[in-house]
Amino acid sequence: MFPLPGNYYEFHRRRVISRPGQPIAYGPPGIEIGPAISQEDALRQARSGYDVYTFTKTDAYRLAQSLHAGTPEEHEAHLPLYYAHYHPGGPHLEIDPMREGRPKAQVGPGHIFFGNRAG
């Protein structure tokens, strides 16, 4: 998968690869960037607490800014092989620990990830 500038993608911290009805099985690390979605879907998903990805920092900033009245807070990648990201509106939000598969913020918008993995 080669993400393209100007496009938006679902972001799956732990991608479920098992078939429906089967025990949950997760894919290998490195497949966080999911299917391409429209900008409207990216807004809707991020507003609902899901994480999204876009290749460019400017697209990520614009999306984060449109989600919340406050200034988005930028974070560098927390660990090697992670992505830099924005927290729309500022502070980091709690992720629901009980949700299998694609994590979701308990309250508020999700992360907006961007760029290449940290080295």
Protein backbone atom coordinates (compact mmCIF):
# COMPACT_ATOMS: atom_id res chain seq x y z
CA MET A 1 0.00 0.00 0.00
CA PHE A 2 1.36 3.37 -1.01
CA PRO A 3 -0.71 6.20 0.51
CA LEU A 4 -1.18 9.18 -1.79
CA PRO A 5 -1.08 12.87 -0.83
CA GLY A 6 -4.57 14.34 -0.55
CA ASN A 7 -6.19 10.99 0.26
CA TYR A 8 -7.50 9.75 3.61
CA TYR A 9 -7.44 6.23 5.04
CA GLU A 10 -8.86 4.34 7.97
CA PHE A 11 -6.22 3.67 10.61
CA HIS A 12 -6.29 0.34 12.43
CA ARG A 13 -3.92 -0.02 15.37
CA ARG A 14 -4.73 -3.72 15.46
CA ARG A 15 -6.27 -4.95 12.24
CA VAL A 16 -8.59 -7.94 12.65
CA ILE A 17 -7.96 -10.42 9.83
CA SER A 18 -10.19 -13.29 10.98
CA ARG A 19 -13.40 -14.11 9.13
CA PRO A 20 -16.77 -13.16 10.64
CA GLY A 21 -17.87 -15.62 13.31
CA GLN A 22 -14.36 -16.95 13.89
CA PRO A 23 -12.11 -16.25 16.89
CA ILE A 24 -10.45 -12.82 16.71
CA ALA A 25 -7.08 -12.97 14.93
CA TYR A 26 -4.91 -9.90 14.35
CA GLY A 27 -2.66 -9.24 11.39
CA PRO A 28 1.08 -8.67 11.62
CA PRO A 29 2.45 -5.26 12.66
CA GLY A 30 2.83 -2.76 9.86
CA ILE A 31 -0.64 -2.91 8.31
CA GLU A 32 -2.21 -0.05 10.25
CA ILE A 33 -3.17 1.99 7.17
CA GLY A 34 -6.53 0.66 6.06
CA PRO A 35 -8.80 1.26 3.10
CA ALA A 36 -9.04 4.64 1.39
CA ILE A 37 -11.99 6.81 2.46
CA SER A 38 -13.36 10.16 1.32
CA GLN A 39 -12.58 13.37 3.20
CA GLU A 40 -16.20 13.41 4.43
CA ASP A 41 -15.84 9.86 5.78
CA ALA A 42 -12.53 10.82 7.41
CA LEU A 43 -14.25 13.73 9.16
CA ARG A 44 -17.16 11.55 10.23
CA GLN A 45 -14.95 8.73 11.52
CA ALA A 46 -12.52 11.02 13.36
CA ARG A 47 -15.44 12.93 14.91
CA SER A 48 -16.82 9.58 16.10
CA GLY A 49 -13.53 8.77 17.87
CA TYR A 50 -11.82 6.59 15.27
CA ASP A 51 -8.26 7.20 14.09
CA VAL A 52 -7.60 8.21 10.47
CA TYR A 53 -4.44 8.61 8.37
CA THR A 54 -3.37 10.96 5.61
CA PHE A 55 0.06 11.22 4.03
CA THR A 56 0.72 14.96 4.32
CA LYS A 57 1.05 17.00 7.49
CA THR A 58 -0.99 19.87 6.03
CA ASP A 59 -3.95 17.60 5.21
CA ALA A 60 -3.74 16.14 8.74
CA TYR A 61 -3.68 19.62 10.31
CA ARG A 62 -6.65 20.84 8.24
CA LEU A 63 -8.68 17.77 9.13
CA ALA A 64 -7.81 18.06 12.85
CA GLN A 65 -8.60 21.78 12.83
CA SER A 66 -12.01 21.22 11.25
CA LEU A 67 -12.95 18.73 13.99
CA HIS A 68 -12.54 21.00 16.99
CA ALA A 69 -12.50 24.73 17.72
CA GLY A 70 -9.18 24.53 19.59
CA THR A 71 -5.74 24.35 18.03
CA PRO A 72 -4.71 20.77 17.20
CA GLU A 73 -1.88 19.45 19.34
CA GLU A 74 0.93 17.87 17.32
CA HIS A 75 2.78 14.83 18.67
CA GLU A 76 5.88 13.27 17.21
CA ALA A 77 5.86 9.49 16.91
CA HIS A 78 5.95 8.05 20.43
CA LEU A 79 8.17 5.09 19.46
CA PRO A 80 10.20 3.95 16.44
CA LEU A 81 7.99 2.70 13.60
CA TYR A 82 5.03 4.76 14.89
CA TYR A 83 3.51 7.77 13.14
CA ALA A 84 3.41 11.45 14.05
CA HIS A 85 -0.14 12.66 14.70
CA TYR A 86 -2.50 15.40 15.79
CA HIS A 87 -4.92 15.45 18.68
CA PRO A 88 -7.83 17.62 17.50
CA GLY A 89 -8.64 20.23 20.13
CA GLY A 90 -5.61 19.54 22.30
CA PRO A 91 -5.33 16.92 25.02
CA HIS A 92 -4.87 13.23 24.51
CA LEU A 93 -8.10 11.28 24.99
CA GLU A 94 -8.71 7.93 26.64
CA ILE A 95 -9.03 4.96 24.29
CA ASP A 96 -11.73 2.40 25.10
CA PRO A 97 -9.73 -0.63 26.39
CA MET A 98 -12.64 -3.04 25.96
CA ARG A 99 -13.05 -2.51 22.21
CA GLU A 100 -11.61 -5.34 20.07
CA GLY A 101 -10.16 -4.61 16.65
CA ARG A 102 -10.23 -0.94 15.73
CA PRO A 103 -9.84 1.15 18.92
CA LYS A 104 -11.99 4.20 19.48
CA ALA A 105 -11.70 7.25 21.76
CA GLN A 106 -14.16 7.07 24.66
CA VAL A 107 -14.98 10.79 24.32
CA GLY A 108 -14.08 13.23 21.57
CA PRO A 109 -12.33 12.84 18.21
CA GLY A 110 -9.71 10.25 17.30
CA HIS A 111 -6.10 10.78 16.23
CA ILE A 112 -5.10 12.11 12.82
CA PHE A 113 -1.92 10.23 11.84
CA PHE A 114 0.31 11.42 9.00
CA GLY A 115 3.60 10.98 7.17
CA ASN A 116 6.09 8.13 7.22
CA ARG A 117 6.96 5.88 10.12
CA ALA A 118 9.52 7.21 12.57
CA GLY A 119 12.92 5.66 12.09
